[in-house]
Protein backbone atom coordinates (compact mmCIF):
# COMPACT_ATOMS: atom_id res chain seq x y z
CA MET A 1 -6.40 -22.33 3.90
CA GLU A 2 -4.25 -20.25 2.48
CA LYS A 3 -1.72 -22.55 -0.42
CA LEU A 4 0.93 -21.24 -2.01
CA ILE A 5 0.72 -20.57 -5.83
CA SER A 6 3.12 -19.64 -8.70
CA LEU A 7 1.86 -17.47 -11.43
CA ASN A 8 3.50 -16.13 -14.45
CA SER A 9 4.33 -12.14 -14.97
CA GLY A 10 5.55 -11.33 -18.03
CA PRO A 11 8.48 -13.96 -18.58
CA ILE A 12 8.89 -13.90 -14.88
CA ILE A 13 7.18 -16.40 -12.50
CA ILE A 14 5.86 -14.96 -8.82
CA GLU A 15 4.69 -16.73 -5.98
CA GLY A 16 1.73 -16.03 -4.36
CA LEU A 17 -0.39 -16.98 -0.97
CA LEU A 18 -4.40 -17.72 -2.30
CA GLU A 19 -7.07 -18.55 -0.23
CA ARG A 20 -10.06 -19.17 -2.37
CA VAL A 21 -13.14 -19.20 -0.79
CA PRO A 22 -16.87 -19.94 -2.58
CA GLY A 23 -18.11 -16.55 -4.21
CA TYR A 24 -16.86 -13.85 -6.89
CA ARG A 25 -15.02 -11.52 -4.44
CA GLY A 26 -11.89 -11.15 -4.13
CA VAL A 27 -8.54 -9.12 -3.12
CA VAL A 28 -4.66 -8.72 -4.09
CA LEU A 29 -2.81 -7.37 -1.51
CA THR A 30 0.59 -5.80 -1.77
CA HIS A 31 3.41 -5.83 0.42
CA PRO A 32 6.46 -3.42 1.92
CA HIS A 33 9.28 -2.14 -0.15
CA PRO A 34 11.43 -4.97 -1.20
CA LEU A 35 14.75 -3.27 -0.39
CA TYR A 36 13.89 -2.76 3.08
CA GLY A 37 12.71 -6.43 3.77
CA GLY A 38 9.07 -6.52 2.71
CA ASN A 39 7.53 -9.16 1.62
CA MET A 40 4.07 -11.61 1.43
CA PHE A 41 4.33 -12.47 5.07
CA ASN A 42 4.65 -9.05 6.78
CA PRO A 43 2.00 -9.03 9.67
CA VAL A 44 0.53 -5.93 8.49
CA VAL A 45 -0.26 -7.42 5.23
CA LYS A 46 -1.75 -10.45 6.74
CA ALA A 47 -3.81 -8.37 9.13
CA ILE A 48 -5.20 -6.93 6.20
CA SER A 49 -5.86 -10.13 4.43
CA ASN A 50 -7.52 -11.29 7.66
CA SER A 51 -9.85 -8.58 7.20
CA TYR A 52 -11.08 -9.62 4.08
CA ARG A 53 -11.15 -13.33 4.41
CA ASN A 54 -13.26 -13.02 7.49
CA ILE A 55 -15.97 -10.92 5.37
CA GLY A 56 -15.72 -13.88 2.68
CA TYR A 57 -13.29 -12.24 -0.16
CA SER A 58 -10.74 -14.61 -1.80
CA THR A 59 -7.27 -13.51 -0.90
CA LEU A 60 -4.05 -13.57 -2.61
CA ARG A 61 -0.77 -11.77 -1.08
CA ILE A 62 2.05 -11.58 -3.51
CA ASN A 63 5.61 -11.51 -3.44
CA PHE A 64 6.96 -8.95 -5.87
CA ARG A 65 9.80 -9.98 -8.76
CA GLY A 66 12.78 -10.47 -6.69
CA VAL A 67 11.29 -11.30 -3.18
CA GLY A 68 11.22 -14.92 -1.78
CA GLU A 69 10.97 -17.29 -4.46
CA SER A 70 10.21 -14.99 -7.12
CA GLY A 71 11.50 -14.51 -10.37
CA GLY A 72 13.51 -11.30 -11.70
CA LYS A 73 14.85 -8.35 -9.51
CA TYR A 74 13.45 -5.07 -7.72
CA GLU A 75 13.04 -2.60 -10.59
CA ASN A 76 11.44 0.98 -8.18
CA GLY A 77 7.63 0.03 -8.27
CA ILE A 78 7.28 -0.09 -12.25
CA GLY A 79 7.87 -3.81 -12.90
CA GLU A 80 6.20 -4.40 -9.63
CA GLN A 81 2.75 -3.02 -11.57
CA GLU A 82 3.26 -5.96 -14.17
CA ASP A 83 3.10 -8.43 -11.05
CA VAL A 84 -0.31 -7.02 -9.57
CA LEU A 85 -2.33 -6.86 -12.95
CA SER A 86 -0.77 -10.32 -13.21
CA ALA A 87 -2.14 -10.95 -10.11
CA VAL A 88 -5.83 -9.42 -10.76
CA SER A 89 -5.52 -11.09 -14.20
CA TYR A 90 -4.98 -14.72 -11.98
CA MET A 91 -7.77 -14.24 -10.23
CA ASN A 92 -10.11 -13.18 -12.89
CA ASP A 93 -9.49 -16.63 -14.56
CA LEU A 94 -10.74 -18.25 -11.36
CA GLY A 95 -13.95 -16.42 -11.99
CA ILE A 96 -13.57 -14.05 -9.36
CA LYS A 97 -14.90 -10.69 -11.36
CA LYS A 98 -14.91 -8.20 -8.18
CA ILE A 99 -11.39 -7.35 -6.85
CA ASP A 100 -10.12 -5.14 -4.72
CA LEU A 101 -6.30 -4.04 -4.75
CA ALA A 102 -5.23 -3.48 -0.97
CA GLY A 103 -1.40 -2.16 -0.31
CA TYR A 104 0.76 -1.56 3.07
CA SER A 105 3.28 1.14 2.26
CA PHE A 106 5.52 0.25 -1.25
CA GLY A 107 2.29 -1.44 -2.30
CA THR A 108 0.14 1.39 -2.07
CA PHE A 109 2.59 3.14 -4.18
CA VAL A 110 2.61 0.36 -6.32
CA ASN A 111 -1.30 0.09 -6.47
CA THR A 112 -1.86 3.71 -7.34
CA GLY A 113 0.07 2.75 -10.63
CA VAL A 114 -1.67 -0.30 -11.68
CA VAL A 115 -5.77 1.24 -11.37
CA LYS A 116 -4.82 3.43 -14.28
CA HIS A 117 -4.66 0.34 -16.39
CA CYS A 118 -7.03 -2.06 -14.68
CA HIS A 119 -10.57 -1.68 -14.93
CA ALA A 120 -11.20 -4.92 -12.90
CA VAL A 121 -10.30 -3.16 -9.87
CA GLN A 122 -13.64 -2.39 -7.75
CA LYS A 123 -12.04 -0.97 -4.91
CA MET A 124 -8.46 0.62 -3.64
CA ILE A 125 -7.79 0.44 -0.19
CA MET A 126 -4.45 2.10 1.24
CA VAL A 127 -2.53 1.67 5.00
CA SER A 128 0.44 3.94 5.60
CA PRO A 129 0.69 5.12 1.81
CA PRO A 130 4.70 6.41 2.03
CA VAL A 131 4.27 10.14 1.01
CA ALA A 132 7.38 11.25 3.76
CA PHE A 133 9.49 8.63 1.83
CA MET A 134 8.48 8.46 -2.03
CA GLU A 135 7.44 10.68 -4.75
CA PHE A 136 3.94 9.55 -5.74
CA GLY A 137 4.05 12.63 -8.52
CA PHE A 138 0.68 14.28 -9.96
CA LEU A 139 -2.12 10.99 -10.04
CA SER A 140 -4.87 11.77 -11.88
CA PRO A 141 -7.92 10.99 -9.58
CA LEU A 142 -8.30 7.75 -7.97
CA THR A 143 -11.89 7.28 -8.16
CA CYS A 144 -11.69 3.40 -6.83
CA LEU A 145 -9.62 4.88 -3.69
CA LYS A 146 -11.88 4.11 -0.90
CA LEU A 147 -10.13 3.87 2.34
CA ILE A 148 -6.69 5.21 3.78
CA ILE A 149 -5.34 4.27 6.95
CA THR A 150 -2.27 5.34 9.08
CA GLY A 151 -1.08 5.88 12.23
CA SER A 152 -0.67 9.28 14.50
CA ARG A 153 2.89 8.06 14.93
CA ASP A 154 3.76 7.16 11.65
CA GLU A 155 6.52 8.97 10.08
CA ILE A 156 6.50 7.50 6.58
CA ALA A 157 2.92 8.33 6.29
CA PRO A 158 2.16 11.21 8.26
CA ALA A 159 -1.05 11.69 8.65
CA ALA A 160 -1.37 15.38 7.68
CA SER A 161 0.65 15.01 4.54
CA VAL A 162 -1.38 12.16 3.62
CA LYS A 163 -4.84 14.06 4.35
CA ASN A 164 -3.26 16.40 1.55
CA ASN A 165 -2.52 13.86 -1.37
CA LEU A 166 -6.38 12.61 -0.61
CA LEU A 167 -8.01 15.94 -1.97
CA GLN A 168 -5.59 15.19 -5.21
CA TRP A 169 -6.40 11.49 -4.99
CA ASN A 170 -10.15 11.41 -3.82
CA PRO A 171 -11.17 13.71 -1.37
CA GLU A 172 -14.35 11.46 -1.16
CA ALA A 173 -12.36 8.56 0.41
CA ALA A 174 -12.44 8.03 4.09
CA LEU A 175 -9.39 8.45 6.21
CA GLU A 176 -8.87 7.33 9.89
CA VAL A 177 -5.69 8.06 11.81
CA ILE A 178 -4.83 5.04 14.62
CA GLU A 179 -4.31 7.14 17.55
CA GLY A 180 -0.62 5.86 18.73
CA ALA A 181 0.16 3.79 15.99
CA ASP A 182 3.75 4.23 14.36
CA HIS A 183 4.18 2.69 10.50
CA PHE A 184 4.56 -1.00 11.75
CA TYR A 185 1.26 -0.86 13.66
CA THR A 186 2.84 -2.70 16.50
CA GLY A 187 0.13 -3.34 19.45
CA TYR A 188 -2.50 -1.95 16.99
CA LEU A 189 -2.94 -4.97 14.40
CA LYS A 190 -6.40 -5.91 15.62
CA LYS A 191 -7.18 -2.01 15.50
CA LEU A 192 -6.16 -2.22 11.82
CA GLU A 193 -8.21 -5.11 11.32
CA GLU A 194 -11.49 -3.71 12.96
CA ILE A 195 -11.35 -0.40 11.07
CA LEU A 196 -10.92 -2.31 8.00
CA SER A 197 -14.12 -4.84 8.73
CA GLN A 198 -15.93 -1.56 8.98
CA HIS A 199 -15.18 -0.21 5.52
CA ILE A 200 -14.66 -2.89 3.54
């Protein structure tokens, strides 16, 4: 059962939903763009969380600064990196030492900035990185990136553009394209969960 928690991100208090299960594996989950209604209750974020929980991972969904009951304000994906790092530290303090990062849309953009500074991250999974909407810029190789999922009708994360970026990010990572799915995965959440379960 998930429970609401609060954690410190520098001087800011942010909220999260934690489900702690026995073991040392966990995942921090990040949500879509705050300025377009993104939050930790997003159905896609919930689907990713379900996939991890069903395999025995502790899960922590967070609301970025300025979202819901989290303090602070939107900081262009930069300040939000601190929120993710704080969430990873929070899980470490619980004894969870093998931690994945799993983001959806804007959350993937934030996570790419985090892994440069966080050696505690074991694997990173991206769902619909918004390469047609946000400038990811040149990223050093993302060796922890293991999987990217997008939809064949996703105009914010077009499969061809994602594939091109993957060559820079980590050509050894898997790319799964869900035929018929758009950016919101309406009608395809179960398929998304199935693919995630196969790769986690």
